[in-house]
C-alpha atoms as a PDB file:
ATOM      1  CA  UNK A   1       0.000   0.000   0.000  1.00  0.00           C
ATOM      2  CA  UNK A   2       1.378   3.368  -0.988  1.00  0.00           C
ATOM      3  CA  UNK A   3       1.287   5.681   2.047  1.00  0.00           C
ATOM      4  CA  UNK A   4       3.344   8.530   0.628  1.00  0.00           C
ATOM      5  CA  UNK A   5       1.560  11.835   0.181  1.00  0.00           C
ATOM      6  CA  UNK A   6       1.727  13.691  -3.091  1.00  0.00           C
ATOM      7  CA  UNK A   7       3.355  17.078  -2.855  1.00  0.00           C
ATOM      8  CA  UNK A   8       1.505  20.076  -4.232  1.00  0.00           C
ATOM      9  CA  UNK A   9       2.719  20.992  -7.693  1.00  0.00           C
ATOM     10  CA  UNK A  10       2.717  24.452  -9.201  1.00  0.00           C
ATOM     11  CA  UNK A  11      -0.861  24.018 -10.519  1.00  0.00           C
ATOM     12  CA  UNK A  12      -2.184  22.833  -7.164  1.00  0.00           C
ATOM     13  CA  UNK A  13      -0.733  25.800  -5.332  1.00  0.00           C
ATOM     14  CA  UNK A  14      -2.569  28.315  -7.536  1.00  0.00           C
ATOM     15  CA  UNK A  15      -6.089  27.173  -6.548  1.00  0.00           C
ATOM     16  CA  UNK A  16      -6.829  27.897  -2.890  1.00  0.00           C
ATOM     17  CA  UNK A  17      -8.912  25.303  -1.045  1.00  0.00           C
ATOM     18  CA  UNK A  18     -11.248  26.757   1.589  1.00  0.00           C
ATOM     19  CA  UNK A  19     -11.333  25.153   5.013  1.00  0.00           C
ATOM     20  CA  UNK A  20     -15.067  25.652   5.588  1.00  0.00           C
ATOM     21  CA  UNK A  21     -17.932  24.676   3.325  1.00  0.00           C
ATOM     22  CA  UNK A  22     -20.193  27.577   4.356  1.00  0.00           C
ATOM     23  CA  UNK A  23     -19.761  31.262   3.621  1.00  0.00           C
ATOM     24  CA  UNK A  24     -18.912  33.455   6.635  1.00  0.00           C
ATOM     25  CA  UNK A  25     -22.275  35.219   6.328  1.00  0.00           C
ATOM     26  CA  UNK A  26     -24.146  31.900   6.520  1.00  0.00           C
ATOM     27  CA  UNK A  27     -22.149  30.902   9.583  1.00  0.00           C
ATOM     28  CA  UNK A  28     -22.864  34.251  11.250  1.00  0.00           C
ATOM     29  CA  UNK A  29     -26.594  33.941  10.553  1.00  0.00           C
ATOM     30  CA  UNK A  30     -26.759  30.374  11.892  1.00  0.00           C
ATOM     31  CA  UNK A  31     -25.123  31.101  15.224  1.00  0.00           C
ATOM     32  CA  UNK A  32     -27.871  33.194  16.909  1.00  0.00           C
ATOM     33  CA  UNK A  33     -30.539  30.549  16.206  1.00  0.00           C
ATOM     34  CA  UNK A  34     -28.520  27.537  17.326  1.00  0.00           C
ATOM     35  CA  UNK A  35     -29.346  27.720  21.085  1.00  0.00           C
ATOM     36  CA  UNK A  36     -33.070  28.284  20.396  1.00  0.00           C
ATOM     37  CA  UNK A  37     -33.469  25.643  17.685  1.00  0.00           C
ATOM     38  CA  UNK A  38     -33.053  22.674  20.033  1.00  0.00           C
ATOM     39  CA  UNK A  39     -35.523  23.858  22.685  1.00  0.00           C
ATOM     40  CA  UNK A  40     -39.225  23.045  22.824  1.00  0.00           C
ATOM     41  CA  UNK A  41     -40.103  26.603  21.789  1.00  0.00           C
ATOM     42  CA  UNK A  42     -37.722  26.391  18.830  1.00  0.00           C
ATOM     43  CA  UNK A  43     -39.250  23.127  17.655  1.00  0.00           C
ATOM     44  CA  UNK A  44     -42.777  24.552  17.955  1.00  0.00           C
ATOM     45  CA  UNK A  45     -41.693  27.614  16.002  1.00  0.00           C
ATOM     46  CA  UNK A  46     -40.119  25.466  13.299  1.00  0.00           C
ATOM     47  CA  UNK A  47     -43.330  23.425  13.080  1.00  0.00           C
ATOM     48  CA  UNK A  48     -45.421  26.577  12.690  1.00  0.00           C
ATOM     49  CA  UNK A  49     -43.117  27.858   9.960  1.00  0.00           C
ATOM     50  CA  UNK A  50     -43.379  24.499   8.167  1.00  0.00           C
ATOM     51  CA  UNK A  51     -47.183  24.638   8.354  1.00  0.00           C
ATOM     52  CA  UNK A  52     -47.234  28.157   6.904  1.00  0.00           C
ATOM     53  CA  UNK A  53     -44.893  27.083   4.110  1.00  0.00           C
ATOM     54  CA  UNK A  54     -47.107  24.088   3.268  1.00  0.00           C
ATOM     55  CA  UNK A  55     -50.212  26.297   3.379  1.00  0.00           C
ATOM     56  CA  UNK A  56     -48.536  28.763   1.026  1.00  0.00           C
ATOM     57  CA  UNK A  57     -47.736  26.003  -1.452  1.00  0.00           C
ATOM     58  CA  UNK A  58     -51.290  24.642  -1.291  1.00  0.00           C
ATOM     59  CA  UNK A  59     -52.807  28.090  -1.807  1.00  0.00           C
ATOM     60  CA  UNK A  60     -50.502  28.932  -4.709  1.00  0.00           C
ATOM     61  CA  UNK A  61     -51.379  25.834  -6.758  1.00  0.00           C
ATOM     62  CA  UNK A  62     -54.775  27.214  -7.967  1.00  0.00           C
ATOM     63  CA  UNK A  63     -53.160  30.551  -8.828  1.00  0.00           C
ATOM     64  CA  UNK A  64     -50.500  28.800 -10.902  1.00  0.00           C
ATOM     65  CA  UNK A  65     -53.125  26.714 -12.696  1.00  0.00           C
ATOM     66  CA  UNK A  66     -55.091  29.854 -13.534  1.00  0.00           C
ATOM     67  CA  UNK A  67     -51.972  31.752 -14.585  1.00  0.00           C
ATOM     68  CA  UNK A  68     -51.149  29.011 -17.084  1.00  0.00           C
ATOM     69  CA  UNK A  69     -54.694  28.096 -18.124  1.00  0.00           C
ATOM     70  CA  UNK A  70     -56.250  31.512 -18.756  1.00  0.00           C
ATOM     71  CA  UNK A  71     -53.772  32.643 -21.457  1.00  0.00           C
ATOM     72  CA  UNK A  72     -53.969  29.206 -23.072  1.00  0.00           C
ATOM     73  CA  UNK A  73     -57.793  29.344 -23.143  1.00  0.00           C
ATOM     74  CA  UNK A  74     -57.749  32.911 -24.466  1.00  0.00           C
ATOM     75  CA  UNK A  75     -55.399  31.927 -27.304  1.00  0.00           C
ATOM     76  CA  UNK A  76     -57.742  29.103 -28.285  1.00  0.00           C
ATOM     77  CA  UNK A  77     -60.718  31.498 -28.205  1.00  0.00           C
ATOM     78  CA  UNK A  78     -58.857  33.996 -30.411  1.00  0.00           C
ATOM     79  CA  UNK A  79     -57.957  31.255 -32.893  1.00  0.00           C
ATOM     80  CA  UNK A  80     -61.566  30.046 -32.973  1.00  0.00           C
ATOM     81  CA  UNK A  81     -62.810  33.638 -33.431  1.00  0.00           C
ATOM     82  CA  UNK A  82     -60.342  34.272 -36.292  1.00  0.00           C
ATOM     83  CA  UNK A  83     -61.389  31.112 -38.121  1.00  0.00           C
ATOM     84  CA  UNK A  84     -65.086  31.882 -37.610  1.00  0.00           C
ATOM     85  CA  UNK A  85     -65.739  28.686 -35.733  1.00  0.00           C
ATOM     86  CA  UNK A  86     -66.899  30.511 -32.638  1.00  0.00           C
END
């Protein structure tokens, strides 16, 4: 088994490798909520936020259907009107 480590060449040294996977802003925004997130109040708050998000998705589905369907139906009506079939 080869246990020797490869030394960084000139190409490897040009590209810096970050130590953390998150941006500093994301880390700073996560820190204030960390103590609260694991308490009962934090879990209840997270559940309420999840319910509001699900309710928002459910209420937006009819609006999306109408936003797609109305222009489609109007185009068909215009085509029928132009051909005299209406």
